[in-house]
Amino acid sequence: MSVRHLIAAASVQPADVGAYAMTSGRLWSAVAALVGIAGVVVGGWALARSRRTGTGSGRRGALVALAVGLAAAVGGGLVVAAAEGGPGTGYGIVGGYVALAVGLLAVVLGGLALARSRRAGRPRR
């Protein structure tokens, strides 16, 4: 059984899902989006810290933002891949796309912060 089949089996929705009902697909996409938002916050903090001189380069925050952003993007991508309907069907596809986008943004911010922290750590000639 593939991963897609396992996710699809876990997110089987009844035919009549209300607009405000919390389904498993919506829950997964909401969690992935919140994780992605946390990654964006940490990545922004690490990027701001990497510009400063003095103690702390923001390297640890950059690595956290990369890992958390990747987790959010993968979670959002899995929700989107398992969704069998469009928006409003209860599969969480809108939240999955949000989590995917926010997770990728966190990865970009973490990568920029990591690159700047590496540059800041080199001695000047």
N, C-alpha and C. Protein backbone atom coordinates (compact mmCIF):
# COMPACT_ATOMS: atom_id res chain seq x y z
N MET A 1 0.85 -1.17 0.00
CA MET A 1 0.00 0.00 0.00
C MET A 1 0.90 1.24 0.00
N SER A 2 0.63 2.15 -0.89
CA SER A 2 1.47 3.34 -1.02
C SER A 2 1.08 4.39 0.02
N VAL A 3 1.92 5.40 0.14
CA VAL A 3 1.67 6.48 1.08
C VAL A 3 0.40 7.23 0.71
N ARG A 4 0.18 7.42 -0.58
CA ARG A 4 -1.01 8.15 -1.02
C ARG A 4 -2.28 7.40 -0.61
N HIS A 5 -2.26 6.07 -0.73
CA HIS A 5 -3.43 5.28 -0.34
C HIS A 5 -3.66 5.36 1.17
N LEU A 6 -2.59 5.36 1.95
CA LEU A 6 -2.73 5.48 3.40
C LEU A 6 -3.32 6.82 3.79
N ILE A 7 -2.84 7.88 3.14
CA ILE A 7 -3.36 9.22 3.45
C ILE A 7 -4.80 9.35 2.99
N ALA A 8 -5.10 8.81 1.83
CA ALA A 8 -6.47 8.87 1.32
C ALA A 8 -7.42 8.09 2.21
N ALA A 9 -6.97 6.96 2.74
CA ALA A 9 -7.82 6.18 3.62
C ALA A 9 -8.06 6.90 4.94
N ALA A 10 -7.08 7.65 5.40
CA ALA A 10 -7.22 8.38 6.66
C ALA A 10 -8.09 9.62 6.50
N SER A 11 -8.25 10.12 5.29
CA SER A 11 -9.00 11.35 5.09
C SER A 11 -10.29 11.13 4.32
N VAL A 12 -10.91 9.98 4.47
CA VAL A 12 -12.19 9.71 3.82
C VAL A 12 -13.25 10.59 4.48
N GLN A 13 -13.98 11.32 3.67
CA GLN A 13 -14.97 12.28 4.16
C GLN A 13 -16.38 11.81 3.84
N PRO A 14 -17.32 12.11 4.73
CA PRO A 14 -18.71 11.83 4.39
C PRO A 14 -19.17 12.74 3.26
N ALA A 15 -20.27 12.38 2.61
CA ALA A 15 -20.75 13.12 1.44
C ALA A 15 -21.17 14.54 1.77
N ASP A 16 -21.76 14.76 2.92
CA ASP A 16 -22.25 16.10 3.26
C ASP A 16 -21.47 16.69 4.42
N VAL A 17 -20.43 17.40 4.08
CA VAL A 17 -19.57 18.05 5.07
C VAL A 17 -19.97 19.51 5.16
N GLY A 18 -20.17 19.98 6.39
CA GLY A 18 -20.52 21.38 6.58
C GLY A 18 -19.33 22.29 6.33
N ALA A 19 -19.63 23.54 6.11
CA ALA A 19 -18.58 24.51 5.81
C ALA A 19 -17.64 24.72 6.99
N TYR A 20 -18.14 24.55 8.20
CA TYR A 20 -17.33 24.79 9.39
C TYR A 20 -16.96 23.51 10.14
N ALA A 21 -17.22 22.38 9.56
CA ALA A 21 -16.90 21.10 10.20
C ALA A 21 -15.39 20.87 10.12
N MET A 22 -14.82 20.42 11.23
CA MET A 22 -13.39 20.14 11.26
C MET A 22 -13.18 18.68 10.87
N THR A 23 -12.74 18.47 9.65
CA THR A 23 -12.46 17.13 9.16
C THR A 23 -10.98 16.83 9.33
N SER A 24 -10.61 15.59 9.11
CA SER A 24 -9.20 15.22 9.27
C SER A 24 -8.32 15.93 8.25
N GLY A 25 -8.80 16.11 7.04
CA GLY A 25 -8.02 16.82 6.02
C GLY A 25 -7.81 18.28 6.39
N ARG A 26 -8.86 18.91 6.89
CA ARG A 26 -8.75 20.30 7.33
C ARG A 26 -7.83 20.42 8.53
N LEU A 27 -7.89 19.44 9.43
CA LEU A 27 -7.03 19.48 10.61
C LEU A 27 -5.56 19.36 10.20
N TRP A 28 -5.26 18.39 9.33
CA TRP A 28 -3.88 18.22 8.87
C TRP A 28 -3.35 19.46 8.16
N SER A 29 -4.18 20.04 7.31
CA SER A 29 -3.72 21.23 6.59
C SER A 29 -3.55 22.42 7.53
N ALA A 30 -4.42 22.54 8.54
CA ALA A 30 -4.28 23.64 9.51
C ALA A 30 -3.01 23.48 10.33
N VAL A 31 -2.73 22.25 10.76
CA VAL A 31 -1.50 22.01 11.53
C VAL A 31 -0.27 22.31 10.67
N ALA A 32 -0.28 21.85 9.43
CA ALA A 32 0.85 22.10 8.53
C ALA A 32 1.02 23.60 8.27
N ALA A 33 -0.09 24.33 8.13
CA ALA A 33 0.00 25.78 7.90
C ALA A 33 0.54 26.49 9.14
N LEU A 34 0.12 26.07 10.33
CA LEU A 34 0.64 26.69 11.56
C LEU A 34 2.13 26.40 11.74
N VAL A 35 2.54 25.20 11.40
CA VAL A 35 3.97 24.86 11.46
C VAL A 35 4.74 25.72 10.47
N GLY A 36 4.18 25.92 9.28
CA GLY A 36 4.83 26.77 8.29
C GLY A 36 4.93 28.21 8.74
N ILE A 37 3.89 28.73 9.39
CA ILE A 37 3.93 30.10 9.91
C ILE A 37 5.01 30.22 10.97
N ALA A 38 5.13 29.21 11.83
CA ALA A 38 6.21 29.23 12.82
C ALA A 38 7.58 29.24 12.14
N GLY A 39 7.70 28.50 11.05
CA GLY A 39 8.96 28.49 10.30
C GLY A 39 9.27 29.83 9.68
N VAL A 40 8.25 30.53 9.18
CA VAL A 40 8.46 31.86 8.61
C VAL A 40 8.90 32.83 9.69
N VAL A 41 8.29 32.75 10.87
CA VAL A 41 8.67 33.64 11.98
C VAL A 41 10.12 33.38 12.39
N VAL A 42 10.47 32.11 12.56
CA VAL A 42 11.85 31.77 12.96
C VAL A 42 12.83 32.14 11.85
N GLY A 43 12.45 31.92 10.59
CA GLY A 43 13.33 32.27 9.47
C GLY A 43 13.54 33.77 9.36
N GLY A 44 12.48 34.55 9.57
CA GLY A 44 12.62 36.01 9.56
C GLY A 44 13.50 36.50 10.69
N TRP A 45 13.31 35.90 11.87
CA TRP A 45 14.15 36.26 13.02
C TRP A 45 15.61 35.91 12.75
N ALA A 46 15.85 34.74 12.18
CA ALA A 46 17.23 34.32 11.88
C ALA A 46 17.84 35.21 10.80
N LEU A 47 17.05 35.62 9.82
CA LEU A 47 17.57 36.49 8.77
C LEU A 47 17.93 37.86 9.34
N ALA A 48 17.10 38.38 10.22
CA ALA A 48 17.41 39.66 10.86
C ALA A 48 18.65 39.53 11.74
N ARG A 49 18.78 38.42 12.42
CA ARG A 49 19.91 38.21 13.30
C ARG A 49 21.21 38.00 12.51
N SER A 50 21.09 37.45 11.31
CA SER A 50 22.30 37.20 10.52
C SER A 50 22.91 38.49 9.99
N ARG A 51 22.14 39.55 9.95
CA ARG A 51 22.65 40.84 9.48
C ARG A 51 23.43 41.59 10.56
N ARG A 52 23.14 41.26 11.81
CA ARG A 52 23.80 41.96 12.91
C ARG A 52 25.22 41.46 13.11
N THR A 53 26.03 42.33 13.65
CA THR A 53 27.36 41.92 14.03
C THR A 53 27.36 41.69 15.53
N GLY A 54 28.27 40.91 15.99
CA GLY A 54 28.33 40.63 17.42
C GLY A 54 28.02 39.17 17.68
N THR A 55 27.46 38.91 18.85
CA THR A 55 27.21 37.53 19.23
C THR A 55 26.01 36.98 18.50
N GLY A 56 26.08 35.71 18.14
CA GLY A 56 24.97 35.02 17.49
C GLY A 56 24.85 35.37 16.02
N SER A 57 24.86 34.35 15.20
CA SER A 57 24.78 34.59 13.76
C SER A 57 23.42 34.22 13.19
N GLY A 58 22.55 33.61 13.98
CA GLY A 58 21.27 33.18 13.47
C GLY A 58 21.32 31.85 12.76
N ARG A 59 22.44 31.16 12.86
CA ARG A 59 22.61 29.88 12.16
C ARG A 59 21.64 28.82 12.67
N ARG A 60 21.47 28.74 13.98
CA ARG A 60 20.57 27.74 14.56
C ARG A 60 19.12 28.02 14.12
N GLY A 61 18.73 29.27 14.15
CA GLY A 61 17.38 29.63 13.71
C GLY A 61 17.17 29.34 12.23
N ALA A 62 18.21 29.54 11.44
CA ALA A 62 18.13 29.25 10.01
C ALA A 62 17.91 27.76 9.77
N LEU A 63 18.61 26.94 10.51
CA LEU A 63 18.45 25.49 10.37
C LEU A 63 17.07 25.05 10.83
N VAL A 64 16.58 25.65 11.91
CA VAL A 64 15.23 25.33 12.39
C VAL A 64 14.20 25.73 11.34
N ALA A 65 14.35 26.92 10.76
CA ALA A 65 13.41 27.38 9.74
C ALA A 65 13.43 26.46 8.52
N LEU A 66 14.60 26.00 8.14
CA LEU A 66 14.69 25.06 7.02
C LEU A 66 13.95 23.76 7.32
N ALA A 67 14.18 23.21 8.50
CA ALA A 67 13.55 21.93 8.85
C ALA A 67 12.05 22.07 9.01
N VAL A 68 11.61 23.11 9.71
CA VAL A 68 10.19 23.30 9.96
C VAL A 68 9.47 23.65 8.65
N GLY A 69 10.09 24.47 7.82
CA GLY A 69 9.49 24.81 6.54
C GLY A 69 9.36 23.61 5.63
N LEU A 70 10.37 22.76 5.63
CA LEU A 70 10.31 21.54 4.83
C LEU A 70 9.19 20.63 5.33
N ALA A 71 9.06 20.50 6.64
CA ALA A 71 7.98 19.67 7.21
C ALA A 71 6.61 20.22 6.82
N ALA A 72 6.44 21.53 6.87
CA ALA A 72 5.16 22.14 6.50
C ALA A 72 4.87 21.95 5.02
N ALA A 73 5.88 22.12 4.19
CA ALA A 73 5.68 21.95 2.74
C ALA A 73 5.33 20.51 2.40
N VAL A 74 5.99 19.56 3.05
CA VAL A 74 5.68 18.15 2.81
C VAL A 74 4.28 17.83 3.31
N GLY A 75 3.92 18.32 4.50
CA GLY A 75 2.58 18.09 5.03
C GLY A 75 1.51 18.67 4.13
N GLY A 76 1.71 19.89 3.67
CA GLY A 76 0.75 20.51 2.76
C GLY A 76 0.67 19.77 1.43
N GLY A 77 1.81 19.34 0.93
CA GLY A 77 1.83 18.59 -0.32
C GLY A 77 1.11 17.26 -0.21
N LEU A 78 1.25 16.58 0.93
CA LEU A 78 0.55 15.32 1.13
C LEU A 78 -0.96 15.52 1.20
N VAL A 79 -1.39 16.61 1.85
CA VAL A 79 -2.82 16.90 1.92
C VAL A 79 -3.36 17.17 0.53
N VAL A 80 -2.63 17.95 -0.26
CA VAL A 80 -3.07 18.27 -1.62
C VAL A 80 -3.09 17.00 -2.48
N ALA A 81 -2.10 16.14 -2.32
CA ALA A 81 -2.04 14.92 -3.12
C ALA A 81 -3.17 13.95 -2.77
N ALA A 82 -3.59 13.94 -1.51
CA ALA A 82 -4.61 13.01 -1.08
C ALA A 82 -6.03 13.54 -1.29
N ALA A 83 -6.18 14.82 -1.54
CA ALA A 83 -7.51 15.40 -1.69
C ALA A 83 -8.18 14.89 -2.94
N GLU A 84 -9.43 14.51 -2.79
CA GLU A 84 -10.19 13.99 -3.93
C GLU A 84 -11.25 14.98 -4.41
N GLY A 85 -11.28 16.14 -3.82
CA GLY A 85 -12.25 17.15 -4.22
C GLY A 85 -11.64 18.53 -4.15
N GLY A 86 -12.39 19.49 -4.56
CA GLY A 86 -11.91 20.86 -4.57
C GLY A 86 -12.22 21.59 -3.26
N PRO A 87 -12.16 22.90 -3.30
CA PRO A 87 -12.45 23.68 -2.10
C PRO A 87 -13.89 23.46 -1.62
N GLY A 88 -14.05 23.35 -0.31
CA GLY A 88 -15.37 23.18 0.27
C GLY A 88 -15.82 21.74 0.42
N THR A 89 -14.99 20.79 0.02
CA THR A 89 -15.39 19.38 0.13
C THR A 89 -14.95 18.75 1.43
N GLY A 90 -14.14 19.43 2.21
CA GLY A 90 -13.70 18.89 3.50
C GLY A 90 -12.37 18.19 3.47
N TYR A 91 -11.72 18.16 2.33
CA TYR A 91 -10.42 17.48 2.24
C TYR A 91 -9.25 18.36 2.64
N GLY A 92 -9.47 19.64 2.83
CA GLY A 92 -8.41 20.54 3.28
C GLY A 92 -7.47 20.99 2.19
N ILE A 93 -7.93 21.01 0.96
CA ILE A 93 -7.03 21.33 -0.15
C ILE A 93 -6.57 22.79 -0.12
N VAL A 94 -7.44 23.69 0.31
CA VAL A 94 -7.04 25.10 0.37
C VAL A 94 -5.96 25.29 1.44
N GLY A 95 -6.17 24.70 2.60
CA GLY A 95 -5.16 24.77 3.65
C GLY A 95 -3.88 24.07 3.26
N GLY A 96 -3.99 23.01 2.47
CA GLY A 96 -2.80 22.31 1.99
C GLY A 96 -1.96 23.19 1.08
N TYR A 97 -2.63 23.94 0.20
CA TYR A 97 -1.89 24.86 -0.66
C TYR A 97 -1.27 26.01 0.16
N VAL A 98 -1.99 26.47 1.16
CA VAL A 98 -1.44 27.52 2.04
C VAL A 98 -0.22 26.99 2.77
N ALA A 99 -0.32 25.78 3.32
CA ALA A 99 0.81 25.19 4.03
C ALA A 99 2.00 24.98 3.11
N LEU A 100 1.73 24.57 1.89
CA LEU A 100 2.80 24.37 0.91
C LEU A 100 3.52 25.69 0.62
N ALA A 101 2.76 26.75 0.39
CA ALA A 101 3.35 28.05 0.08
C ALA A 101 4.10 28.63 1.28
N VAL A 102 3.50 28.56 2.46
CA VAL A 102 4.14 29.11 3.65
C VAL A 102 5.38 28.30 4.02
N GLY A 103 5.30 26.99 3.84
CA GLY A 103 6.47 26.15 4.11
C GLY A 103 7.63 26.46 3.18
N LEU A 104 7.33 26.68 1.91
CA LEU A 104 8.39 27.04 0.96
C LEU A 104 8.98 28.41 1.29
N LEU A 105 8.14 29.33 1.75
CA LEU A 105 8.64 30.64 2.17
C LEU A 105 9.58 30.51 3.36
N ALA A 106 9.24 29.64 4.30
CA ALA A 106 10.11 29.40 5.46
C ALA A 106 11.44 28.80 5.03
N VAL A 107 11.40 27.89 4.05
CA VAL A 107 12.64 27.30 3.54
C VAL A 107 13.52 28.36 2.88
N VAL A 108 12.91 29.26 2.11
CA VAL A 108 13.67 30.33 1.45
C VAL A 108 14.29 31.26 2.49
N LEU A 109 13.51 31.66 3.49
CA LEU A 109 14.05 32.55 4.53
C LEU A 109 15.17 31.86 5.31
N GLY A 110 14.97 30.58 5.64
CA GLY A 110 16.02 29.84 6.34
C GLY A 110 17.27 29.70 5.51
N GLY A 111 17.11 29.47 4.21
CA GLY A 111 18.28 29.36 3.32
C GLY A 111 19.04 30.66 3.20
N LEU A 112 18.30 31.77 3.08
CA LEU A 112 18.96 33.08 3.03
C LEU A 112 19.71 33.38 4.32
N ALA A 113 19.07 33.09 5.44
CA ALA A 113 19.72 33.34 6.74
C ALA A 113 20.95 32.46 6.91
N LEU A 114 20.87 31.22 6.46
CA LEU A 114 22.02 30.32 6.57
C LEU A 114 23.17 30.80 5.68
N ALA A 115 22.86 31.25 4.48
CA ALA A 115 23.91 31.76 3.59
C ALA A 115 24.56 33.00 4.18
N ARG A 116 23.76 33.89 4.76
CA ARG A 116 24.33 35.09 5.36
C ARG A 116 25.14 34.78 6.61
N SER A 117 24.70 33.80 7.38
CA SER A 117 25.46 33.46 8.58
C SER A 117 26.78 32.81 8.23
N ARG A 118 26.83 32.08 7.13
CA ARG A 118 28.09 31.50 6.68
C ARG A 118 29.04 32.59 6.21
N ARG A 119 28.48 33.58 5.49
CA ARG A 119 29.30 34.69 5.02
C ARG A 119 29.81 35.53 6.17
N ALA A 120 28.96 35.71 7.18
CA ALA A 120 29.35 36.53 8.32
C ALA A 120 30.42 35.86 9.16
N GLY A 121 30.46 34.52 9.12
CA GLY A 121 31.44 33.79 9.93
C GLY A 121 32.83 33.76 9.32
N ARG A 122 32.96 34.12 8.05
CA ARG A 122 34.27 34.09 7.40
C ARG A 122 35.09 35.31 7.81
N PRO A 123 36.38 35.10 8.00
CA PRO A 123 37.23 36.27 8.27
C PRO A 123 37.43 37.11 7.03
N ARG A 124 37.49 38.40 7.22
CA ARG A 124 37.70 39.32 6.07
C ARG A 124 39.17 39.39 5.74
N ARG A 125 39.44 39.57 4.47
CA ARG A 125 40.85 39.66 4.03
C ARG A 125 41.23 41.08 3.79
